[in-house]
Amino acid sequence: MRKKAITKKKVSKKANPVRTTNAYNIKKAKSAYEKKVGQLSTLMALSTILNSTLEQKEVRKRAIEAATRLTESEVGSLLLIDEEKNELFFEVALGEKGEKVKEIRLRMGEGIAGWVAKTGEPVIIDDVQNDPRFFKDADKKSSFVTRNMMCVPVKSEGKAIGVLQSINKLKGGKFTKDDLEGFISLADQVAIAIEKSRLYQELRDTFFCAAEALADAIEKRDPYTGGHTKRVLQYSVTIGKYLDLKESELERLRLAAVLHDIGKIGIEDSILRKKDKLSPDEYEMVKKHPVWGAEIMGHIKQLKDVIPGMRYHHERMDGNGYPDHLHDNEIPIIAKIISVADTFDAITTERPYQESLSVNVAFKELRGSAGTQFDSRVVEAFLKAYEAGDINTNNIKVGLL
């Protein structure tokens, strides 16, 4: 008797709904975790960048760059509170239309930013155009369309000092609660960086004012050179800008220009106030003031990069200057600039032993000594600044004498 062949039927495997859901949830959780880790990593990196400078403008600029990068948004803005006027102003605004937006001021409570500043509450708005708080003039002025926005207060010691905005999530997306959480953390870092830079600026301003006061005290001993330091400062900084000096170099130039004659504190009044031409011995005494100034300020270690500008502002390109007879490249650019500014002021202001000469004559002398006494580049920069109207020559003769 033949046995029937036994065949196995294929059993269709149906998806297990519980297993599928668990796999989906694990994948979703993993994605959220990776996103969170990425956000925290970015936040830490941006925090380091933010706190790597104490320059106020740079801190604020970096704050906005950090905001757009962290939140993956189209543009961003930082508004600071003007406590005297009770207004907010755009300190920094990134994007093509940023400069136009910076002209706008908001009253406290006006616009979404004003509301956040007043209430201290962060907010996400998916449809900005239909939000009653939206200040539409900003879009009109900049020809920009704000689609969605995330706005958080920037607080220092519990008090709002500004508002940070992130505008238009990239790829048409929407801002999330996770975005807001990271943005609030960034705003805290921005507040710390802003306060640090503000305190640094206050200390720097205080020191600069003290230096000016000291220079003014020295000038009061010499009635014939009143205002000399301020004029040399103005000329020097203008020249420095035309030579495209970095901000740090301009800072050193400002201080060196203010302090360049501080060593005259060691010169006797009989010499400083003498109405006649100085004798050779008296002139040798005057020539010591750059060295004395450098020695006096040498006690302040923070001025180590400023002192060369003070000490060498009477050096010459040909080596015939004083006190160290330096040549060309041995002389710091800051000293070369002060040398030109100092000489120009000496020529164009009244002294007991010489009449003031005109601007034209002064520039003729500077040109004639370019390459021997003065650096040609510095002289040319000064001429360009004068021709552009950036040199204040009030009360100075302009004609041919």
Foldseek 3Di string as FASTA:
>chain_A
DDDDDDDDDDDDDDDDPVVVVVVVVVVVVVVVVVLLVVLVVLLVVLLCVLQPDLAQLSNQQSLFVSLCVSQVFDWKWKWFADVVQQKIATSFIDDPLTVQLRVDIGHQQAAPFSVCLNVQDKDKFQALVPDPRHDCVSCVRSVHDFGIKTKGFQDDPRHGGIMMMGTHRPPNDGGDPSSNVSSNVSSPSSNVSNVSSVVVVVVLVVVLVVLLVLLQVLVVLQVQCPCLLVQLLLLLLLLCVLVVHDPVVSSLLNSLSSQLQSLCVPQDSCLRHPLEDDDPVSVVVSLCSLVSSLVVCVVPVVNPVNSLLNNQLQEFQQQPGDDRSDHDVVRDPSSLSSNLSSQLSVQFGCGSHDGHFASVVSLVVVCVCDPTGHPPSSSVSSVVCVVVVSRDQPPTHHDHD
